[in-house]
Amino acid sequence: MQNADHVMILAEMVHDVRIIRLGEPDELPEQLRPWFGDSWGHWDGNTLVVETTNFNPRHPFRGIPPTDQLKVTERFTRVSAGTILYEFTVDDPSTYTEPWGGEIPFNRFNDLVYEYSCHEGNYALGSVLSGARYEEREAGRNQHD
């Protein structure tokens, strides 16, 4: 989702939301640490360039606690009607000897996307599924009457 001042990215898994402010960066107060860091972006042609700093210390970055020097730079480039090329660079001189990164194409998916569900430890799931199978059987029987 996008407007003139912000871009919002909603991840399907766990419904994580990132809000990216557009334009000139203005630092957030030190006590305000967004879960995914403070992201601001600008357009470079057809590429959205996003820089994120000020990561929440309680949210490990790839399993490693973030330092005050962690900076992630992302580039979102539309390369075709159905593809956005996502590129990222991680820079944290306190943790890594040099910046590292990668890229992956995001391809449009035209089918249904089902909500992410974590069923580990959900002991009611067996009953939920058996109830659904019962309803399916009954619906099938009613079609043959």
N, C-alpha and C. Protein backbone atom coordinates (compact mmCIF):
# COMPACT_ATOMS: atom_id res chain seq x y z
N MET A 1 0.84 -1.14 0.00
CA MET A 1 0.00 0.00 0.00
C MET A 1 0.90 1.22 0.00
N GLN A 2 0.47 2.27 -0.72
CA GLN A 2 1.33 3.43 -0.85
C GLN A 2 0.49 4.69 -0.97
N ASN A 3 0.99 5.78 -0.36
CA ASN A 3 0.44 7.10 -0.62
C ASN A 3 1.62 8.03 -0.86
N ALA A 4 1.40 9.32 -0.86
CA ALA A 4 2.48 10.25 -1.18
C ALA A 4 3.59 10.27 -0.13
N ASP A 5 3.26 9.94 1.12
CA ASP A 5 4.23 10.06 2.22
C ASP A 5 4.76 8.75 2.77
N HIS A 6 4.09 7.64 2.48
CA HIS A 6 4.44 6.37 3.11
C HIS A 6 4.23 5.19 2.16
N VAL A 7 4.97 4.14 2.40
CA VAL A 7 4.74 2.84 1.78
C VAL A 7 4.58 1.86 2.94
N MET A 8 3.57 1.01 2.85
CA MET A 8 3.36 -0.01 3.88
C MET A 8 3.54 -1.38 3.24
N ILE A 9 4.30 -2.23 3.87
CA ILE A 9 4.49 -3.60 3.41
C ILE A 9 3.90 -4.52 4.47
N LEU A 10 2.95 -5.34 4.05
CA LEU A 10 2.31 -6.30 4.95
C LEU A 10 2.79 -7.69 4.57
N ALA A 11 3.46 -8.35 5.50
CA ALA A 11 3.92 -9.71 5.27
C ALA A 11 2.80 -10.67 5.63
N GLU A 12 2.59 -11.67 4.81
CA GLU A 12 1.52 -12.64 5.05
C GLU A 12 1.77 -13.43 6.32
N MET A 13 3.01 -13.82 6.55
CA MET A 13 3.31 -14.63 7.73
C MET A 13 3.31 -13.76 8.98
N VAL A 14 2.48 -14.06 9.92
CA VAL A 14 2.36 -13.40 11.20
C VAL A 14 1.85 -11.94 11.05
N HIS A 15 1.49 -11.55 9.85
CA HIS A 15 0.92 -10.23 9.57
C HIS A 15 1.82 -9.08 10.01
N ASP A 16 3.12 -9.25 9.84
CA ASP A 16 4.05 -8.19 10.18
C ASP A 16 3.85 -7.01 9.23
N VAL A 17 3.90 -5.81 9.76
CA VAL A 17 3.71 -4.59 8.97
C VAL A 17 4.95 -3.71 9.10
N ARG A 18 5.43 -3.25 7.95
CA ARG A 18 6.51 -2.26 7.94
C ARG A 18 5.95 -0.98 7.36
N ILE A 19 6.22 0.12 8.02
CA ILE A 19 5.82 1.43 7.50
C ILE A 19 7.10 2.17 7.13
N ILE A 20 7.18 2.54 5.86
CA ILE A 20 8.35 3.22 5.32
C ILE A 20 7.96 4.66 5.03
N ARG A 21 8.62 5.58 5.70
CA ARG A 21 8.37 7.00 5.45
C ARG A 21 9.15 7.43 4.21
N LEU A 22 8.54 8.22 3.36
CA LEU A 22 9.18 8.68 2.13
C LEU A 22 9.67 10.11 2.31
N GLY A 23 10.75 10.44 1.60
CA GLY A 23 11.29 11.79 1.63
C GLY A 23 12.54 11.87 2.48
N GLU A 24 12.84 13.08 2.92
CA GLU A 24 14.03 13.31 3.73
C GLU A 24 13.86 12.66 5.10
N PRO A 25 14.90 11.95 5.57
CA PRO A 25 14.76 11.28 6.86
C PRO A 25 14.80 12.28 8.02
N ASP A 26 13.97 12.02 9.00
CA ASP A 26 14.08 12.73 10.27
C ASP A 26 14.10 11.65 11.35
N GLU A 27 15.10 11.73 12.20
CA GLU A 27 15.31 10.66 13.17
C GLU A 27 14.19 10.63 14.20
N LEU A 28 13.81 9.42 14.56
CA LEU A 28 12.84 9.23 15.62
C LEU A 28 13.51 9.46 16.97
N PRO A 29 12.75 9.79 18.00
CA PRO A 29 13.34 9.91 19.34
C PRO A 29 14.03 8.60 19.73
N GLU A 30 15.09 8.69 20.48
CA GLU A 30 15.90 7.53 20.87
C GLU A 30 15.07 6.45 21.54
N GLN A 31 14.07 6.84 22.34
CA GLN A 31 13.27 5.85 23.07
C GLN A 31 12.27 5.12 22.16
N LEU A 32 12.07 5.60 20.95
CA LEU A 32 11.14 4.95 20.03
C LEU A 32 11.92 4.03 19.11
N ARG A 33 11.75 2.73 19.29
CA ARG A 33 12.46 1.73 18.49
C ARG A 33 11.45 0.82 17.83
N PRO A 34 11.04 1.11 16.58
CA PRO A 34 10.09 0.22 15.91
C PRO A 34 10.64 -1.21 15.84
N TRP A 35 9.74 -2.18 15.86
CA TRP A 35 10.14 -3.59 15.88
C TRP A 35 11.07 -3.93 14.73
N PHE A 36 10.79 -3.41 13.53
CA PHE A 36 11.61 -3.71 12.35
C PHE A 36 12.55 -2.56 12.01
N GLY A 37 12.79 -1.67 12.95
CA GLY A 37 13.67 -0.55 12.70
C GLY A 37 12.92 0.64 12.12
N ASP A 38 13.64 1.72 11.95
CA ASP A 38 13.09 2.96 11.40
C ASP A 38 13.46 3.02 9.92
N SER A 39 12.45 2.88 9.06
CA SER A 39 12.69 2.82 7.62
C SER A 39 12.25 4.12 6.95
N TRP A 40 13.09 4.63 6.09
CA TRP A 40 12.71 5.75 5.25
C TRP A 40 13.18 5.46 3.84
N GLY A 41 12.46 5.97 2.87
CA GLY A 41 12.78 5.65 1.49
C GLY A 41 12.66 6.83 0.56
N HIS A 42 13.18 6.62 -0.63
CA HIS A 42 13.06 7.61 -1.69
C HIS A 42 13.07 6.87 -3.02
N TRP A 43 12.55 7.53 -4.03
CA TRP A 43 12.51 6.94 -5.36
C TRP A 43 13.75 7.33 -6.13
N ASP A 44 14.38 6.35 -6.76
CA ASP A 44 15.50 6.56 -7.67
C ASP A 44 15.04 6.00 -9.01
N GLY A 45 14.39 6.82 -9.82
CA GLY A 45 13.76 6.32 -11.05
C GLY A 45 12.59 5.43 -10.67
N ASN A 46 12.60 4.19 -11.18
CA ASN A 46 11.51 3.26 -10.85
C ASN A 46 11.89 2.32 -9.70
N THR A 47 12.91 2.69 -8.95
CA THR A 47 13.37 1.88 -7.82
C THR A 47 13.09 2.59 -6.50
N LEU A 48 12.43 1.88 -5.59
CA LEU A 48 12.25 2.39 -4.23
C LEU A 48 13.47 1.96 -3.43
N VAL A 49 14.22 2.92 -2.93
CA VAL A 49 15.40 2.66 -2.11
C VAL A 49 15.01 2.93 -0.66
N VAL A 50 15.20 1.93 0.21
CA VAL A 50 14.80 2.03 1.61
C VAL A 50 16.02 1.79 2.49
N GLU A 51 16.26 2.70 3.43
CA GLU A 51 17.33 2.52 4.42
C GLU A 51 16.68 2.38 5.79
N THR A 52 17.12 1.37 6.53
CA THR A 52 16.54 1.10 7.84
C THR A 52 17.64 1.07 8.89
N THR A 53 17.43 1.81 9.97
CA THR A 53 18.33 1.84 11.12
C THR A 53 17.46 1.81 12.38
N ASN A 54 18.08 1.97 13.53
CA ASN A 54 17.35 2.10 14.79
C ASN A 54 16.49 0.87 15.07
N PHE A 55 17.08 -0.31 14.91
CA PHE A 55 16.35 -1.56 15.13
C PHE A 55 16.06 -1.77 16.61
N ASN A 56 14.96 -2.41 16.89
CA ASN A 56 14.58 -2.71 18.27
C ASN A 56 15.53 -3.78 18.82
N PRO A 57 16.19 -3.53 19.94
CA PRO A 57 17.16 -4.50 20.47
C PRO A 57 16.52 -5.82 20.90
N ARG A 58 15.21 -5.85 21.10
CA ARG A 58 14.54 -7.10 21.49
C ARG A 58 14.19 -7.96 20.28
N HIS A 59 14.41 -7.46 19.08
CA HIS A 59 14.09 -8.22 17.87
C HIS A 59 15.39 -8.59 17.16
N PRO A 60 15.87 -9.82 17.34
CA PRO A 60 17.14 -10.20 16.72
C PRO A 60 17.06 -10.15 15.20
N PHE A 61 18.14 -9.68 14.60
CA PHE A 61 18.25 -9.62 13.15
C PHE A 61 18.96 -10.89 12.69
N ARG A 62 18.22 -11.78 12.06
CA ARG A 62 18.76 -13.07 11.60
C ARG A 62 19.40 -13.83 12.76
N GLY A 63 18.79 -13.72 13.95
CA GLY A 63 19.27 -14.45 15.11
C GLY A 63 20.36 -13.75 15.90
N ILE A 64 20.79 -12.58 15.42
CA ILE A 64 21.87 -11.85 16.09
C ILE A 64 21.29 -10.54 16.62
N PRO A 65 21.49 -10.23 17.90
CA PRO A 65 20.97 -8.96 18.42
C PRO A 65 21.52 -7.78 17.60
N PRO A 66 20.66 -6.83 17.23
CA PRO A 66 21.14 -5.70 16.43
C PRO A 66 21.98 -4.74 17.27
N THR A 67 22.94 -4.12 16.62
CA THR A 67 23.73 -3.08 17.28
C THR A 67 23.23 -1.72 16.80
N ASP A 68 23.73 -0.66 17.41
CA ASP A 68 23.36 0.69 16.98
C ASP A 68 23.91 1.02 15.60
N GLN A 69 24.84 0.23 15.10
CA GLN A 69 25.44 0.50 13.79
C GLN A 69 24.77 -0.27 12.65
N LEU A 70 23.82 -1.13 12.95
CA LEU A 70 23.16 -1.92 11.91
C LEU A 70 22.37 -1.02 10.97
N LYS A 71 22.62 -1.19 9.68
CA LYS A 71 21.89 -0.47 8.64
C LYS A 71 21.59 -1.45 7.51
N VAL A 72 20.33 -1.51 7.11
CA VAL A 72 19.92 -2.36 5.99
C VAL A 72 19.42 -1.45 4.88
N THR A 73 19.98 -1.64 3.69
CA THR A 73 19.55 -0.88 2.51
C THR A 73 18.86 -1.85 1.57
N GLU A 74 17.65 -1.50 1.15
CA GLU A 74 16.86 -2.35 0.26
C GLU A 74 16.52 -1.57 -1.00
N ARG A 75 16.41 -2.31 -2.10
CA ARG A 75 16.01 -1.73 -3.38
C ARG A 75 14.90 -2.59 -3.96
N PHE A 76 13.78 -1.97 -4.27
CA PHE A 76 12.63 -2.64 -4.89
C PHE A 76 12.48 -2.06 -6.29
N THR A 77 12.77 -2.87 -7.32
CA THR A 77 12.72 -2.39 -8.70
C THR A 77 11.74 -3.22 -9.50
N ARG A 78 10.77 -2.56 -10.12
CA ARG A 78 9.83 -3.27 -11.00
C ARG A 78 10.58 -3.55 -12.31
N VAL A 79 10.79 -4.83 -12.60
CA VAL A 79 11.52 -5.21 -13.81
C VAL A 79 10.59 -5.69 -14.91
N SER A 80 9.34 -5.99 -14.56
CA SER A 80 8.33 -6.35 -15.55
C SER A 80 6.97 -6.16 -14.90
N ALA A 81 5.90 -6.37 -15.66
CA ALA A 81 4.55 -6.19 -15.12
C ALA A 81 4.28 -7.11 -13.94
N GLY A 82 4.94 -8.26 -13.90
CA GLY A 82 4.67 -9.23 -12.85
C GLY A 82 5.83 -9.50 -11.91
N THR A 83 6.91 -8.71 -11.99
CA THR A 83 8.09 -9.01 -11.18
C THR A 83 8.71 -7.76 -10.59
N ILE A 84 9.03 -7.83 -9.29
CA ILE A 84 9.81 -6.81 -8.61
C ILE A 84 11.11 -7.47 -8.16
N LEU A 85 12.24 -6.87 -8.52
CA LEU A 85 13.53 -7.38 -8.06
C LEU A 85 13.82 -6.75 -6.71
N TYR A 86 14.01 -7.60 -5.69
CA TYR A 86 14.32 -7.16 -4.34
C TYR A 86 15.80 -7.38 -4.10
N GLU A 87 16.52 -6.31 -3.73
CA GLU A 87 17.94 -6.39 -3.41
C GLU A 87 18.15 -5.81 -2.01
N PHE A 88 19.08 -6.38 -1.27
CA PHE A 88 19.34 -5.86 0.07
C PHE A 88 20.83 -5.92 0.38
N THR A 89 21.27 -4.99 1.23
CA THR A 89 22.63 -4.96 1.73
C THR A 89 22.57 -4.73 3.24
N VAL A 90 23.26 -5.57 3.99
CA VAL A 90 23.33 -5.46 5.44
C VAL A 90 24.72 -4.94 5.80
N ASP A 91 24.76 -3.85 6.56
CA ASP A 91 26.03 -3.25 6.96
C ASP A 91 26.00 -3.03 8.47
N ASP A 92 26.88 -3.70 9.17
CA ASP A 92 27.02 -3.53 10.62
C ASP A 92 28.47 -3.82 10.99
N PRO A 93 29.32 -2.78 10.96
CA PRO A 93 30.75 -3.00 11.22
C PRO A 93 31.04 -3.58 12.60
N SER A 94 30.10 -3.46 13.54
CA SER A 94 30.31 -4.04 14.87
C SER A 94 30.17 -5.56 14.86
N THR A 95 29.46 -6.08 13.83
CA THR A 95 29.16 -7.51 13.80
C THR A 95 29.84 -8.23 12.64
N TYR A 96 29.90 -7.59 11.48
CA TYR A 96 30.41 -8.25 10.27
C TYR A 96 31.68 -7.55 9.79
N THR A 97 32.56 -8.32 9.17
CA THR A 97 33.80 -7.75 8.67
C THR A 97 33.59 -6.92 7.41
N GLU A 98 32.50 -7.18 6.70
CA GLU A 98 32.17 -6.39 5.51
C GLU A 98 30.67 -6.49 5.25
N PRO A 99 30.11 -5.53 4.51
CA PRO A 99 28.69 -5.62 4.18
C PRO A 99 28.39 -6.88 3.37
N TRP A 100 27.17 -7.38 3.50
CA TRP A 100 26.75 -8.55 2.75
C TRP A 100 25.31 -8.33 2.29
N GLY A 101 24.90 -9.09 1.29
CA GLY A 101 23.54 -8.90 0.79
C GLY A 101 23.14 -9.96 -0.19
N GLY A 102 22.07 -9.68 -0.89
CA GLY A 102 21.56 -10.62 -1.88
C GLY A 102 20.42 -10.01 -2.66
N GLU A 103 19.83 -10.81 -3.51
CA GLU A 103 18.69 -10.37 -4.31
C GLU A 103 17.78 -11.54 -4.61
N ILE A 104 16.51 -11.24 -4.81
CA ILE A 104 15.54 -12.27 -5.16
C ILE A 104 14.40 -11.60 -5.93
N PRO A 105 13.94 -12.24 -6.99
CA PRO A 105 12.77 -11.68 -7.69
C PRO A 105 11.49 -12.02 -6.94
N PHE A 106 10.62 -11.04 -6.79
CA PHE A 106 9.28 -11.25 -6.24
C PHE A 106 8.33 -11.32 -7.43
N ASN A 107 7.76 -12.49 -7.67
CA ASN A 107 6.86 -12.67 -8.79
C ASN A 107 5.42 -12.60 -8.34
N ARG A 108 4.59 -11.93 -9.15
CA ARG A 108 3.17 -11.83 -8.83
C ARG A 108 2.58 -13.23 -8.78
N PHE A 109 1.76 -13.44 -7.77
CA PHE A 109 1.09 -14.73 -7.57
C PHE A 109 -0.39 -14.48 -7.72
N ASN A 110 -1.00 -15.02 -8.77
CA ASN A 110 -2.40 -14.72 -9.07
C ASN A 110 -3.39 -15.68 -8.42
N ASP A 111 -2.92 -16.71 -7.76
CA ASP A 111 -3.82 -17.65 -7.08
C ASP A 111 -4.11 -17.14 -5.67
N LEU A 112 -4.96 -17.88 -4.97
CA LEU A 112 -5.27 -17.54 -3.59
C LEU A 112 -4.03 -17.71 -2.71
N VAL A 113 -3.87 -16.81 -1.77
CA VAL A 113 -2.83 -16.94 -0.76
C VAL A 113 -3.55 -17.19 0.55
N TYR A 114 -3.29 -18.34 1.13
CA TYR A 114 -3.96 -18.71 2.37
C TYR A 114 -3.20 -18.13 3.56
N GLU A 115 -3.95 -17.79 4.58
CA GLU A 115 -3.37 -17.21 5.78
C GLU A 115 -2.38 -18.19 6.41
N TYR A 116 -1.25 -17.65 6.85
CA TYR A 116 -0.26 -18.45 7.55
C TYR A 116 -0.86 -18.90 8.87
N SER A 117 -0.71 -20.16 9.17
CA SER A 117 -1.23 -20.71 10.42
C SER A 117 -0.17 -21.57 11.07
N CYS A 118 0.06 -21.33 12.32
CA CYS A 118 0.99 -22.15 13.07
C CYS A 118 0.17 -23.08 13.94
N HIS A 119 0.24 -24.38 13.68
CA HIS A 119 -0.58 -25.34 14.40
C HIS A 119 0.19 -26.15 15.43
N GLU A 120 1.46 -25.83 15.63
CA GLU A 120 2.23 -26.56 16.62
C GLU A 120 1.62 -26.35 18.01
N GLY A 121 1.29 -27.42 18.67
CA GLY A 121 0.71 -27.33 20.00
C GLY A 121 -0.79 -27.03 19.99
N ASN A 122 -1.39 -26.96 18.82
CA ASN A 122 -2.83 -26.70 18.74
C ASN A 122 -3.54 -28.05 18.78
N TYR A 123 -3.86 -28.49 19.98
CA TYR A 123 -4.43 -29.83 20.15
C TYR A 123 -5.89 -29.91 19.70
N ALA A 124 -6.54 -28.79 19.47
CA ALA A 124 -7.92 -28.79 18.99
C ALA A 124 -7.98 -29.00 17.48
N LEU A 125 -6.84 -28.92 16.80
CA LEU A 125 -6.85 -29.01 15.35
C LEU A 125 -7.45 -30.31 14.84
N GLY A 126 -7.18 -31.42 15.51
CA GLY A 126 -7.76 -32.70 15.08
C GLY A 126 -9.28 -32.65 15.06
N SER A 127 -9.87 -32.08 16.09
CA SER A 127 -11.33 -31.96 16.14
C SER A 127 -11.85 -31.01 15.08
N VAL A 128 -11.15 -29.91 14.86
CA VAL A 128 -11.56 -28.96 13.83
C VAL A 128 -11.57 -29.63 12.46
N LEU A 129 -10.51 -30.35 12.15
CA LEU A 129 -10.42 -31.02 10.84
C LEU A 129 -11.43 -32.15 10.71
N SER A 130 -11.64 -32.92 11.77
CA SER A 130 -12.62 -34.01 11.66
C SER A 130 -14.02 -33.45 11.48
N GLY A 131 -14.33 -32.32 12.11
CA GLY A 131 -15.62 -31.67 11.90
C GLY A 131 -15.79 -31.19 10.47
N ALA A 132 -14.73 -30.64 9.89
CA ALA A 132 -14.78 -30.19 8.50
C ALA A 132 -14.95 -31.37 7.56
N ARG A 133 -14.26 -32.49 7.81
CA ARG A 133 -14.42 -33.68 6.96
C ARG A 133 -15.85 -34.22 7.03
N TYR A 134 -16.46 -34.17 8.24
CA TYR A 134 -17.85 -34.61 8.41
C TYR A 134 -18.77 -33.74 7.55
N GLU A 135 -18.60 -32.43 7.61
CA GLU A 135 -19.43 -31.54 6.81
C GLU A 135 -19.26 -31.80 5.32
N GLU A 136 -18.03 -32.09 4.88
CA GLU A 136 -17.80 -32.39 3.47
C GLU A 136 -18.50 -33.68 3.06
N ARG A 137 -18.44 -34.70 3.92
CA ARG A 137 -19.12 -35.97 3.62
C ARG A 137 -20.63 -35.76 3.52
N GLU A 138 -21.18 -35.01 4.46
CA GLU A 138 -22.62 -34.75 4.45
C GLU A 138 -23.03 -33.97 3.20
N ALA A 139 -22.23 -33.00 2.81
CA ALA A 139 -22.53 -32.23 1.60
C ALA A 139 -22.49 -33.13 0.38
N GLY A 140 -21.54 -34.07 0.34
CA GLY A 140 -21.46 -35.02 -0.77
C GLY A 140 -22.66 -35.95 -0.82
N ARG A 141 -23.13 -36.39 0.33
CA ARG A 141 -24.32 -37.26 0.38
C ARG A 141 -25.55 -36.52 -0.11
N ASN A 142 -25.68 -35.26 0.28
CA ASN A 142 -26.86 -34.48 -0.12
C ASN A 142 -26.88 -34.21 -1.62
N GLN A 143 -25.74 -34.20 -2.26
CA GLN A 143 -25.69 -33.99 -3.71
C GLN A 143 -26.20 -35.20 -4.46
N HIS A 144 -26.09 -36.39 -3.87
CA HIS A 144 -26.50 -37.63 -4.53
C HIS A 144 -27.95 -37.98 -4.26
N ASP A 145 -28.66 -37.24 -3.43
CA ASP A 145 -30.07 -37.54 -3.11
C ASP A 145 -30.99 -37.01 -4.19
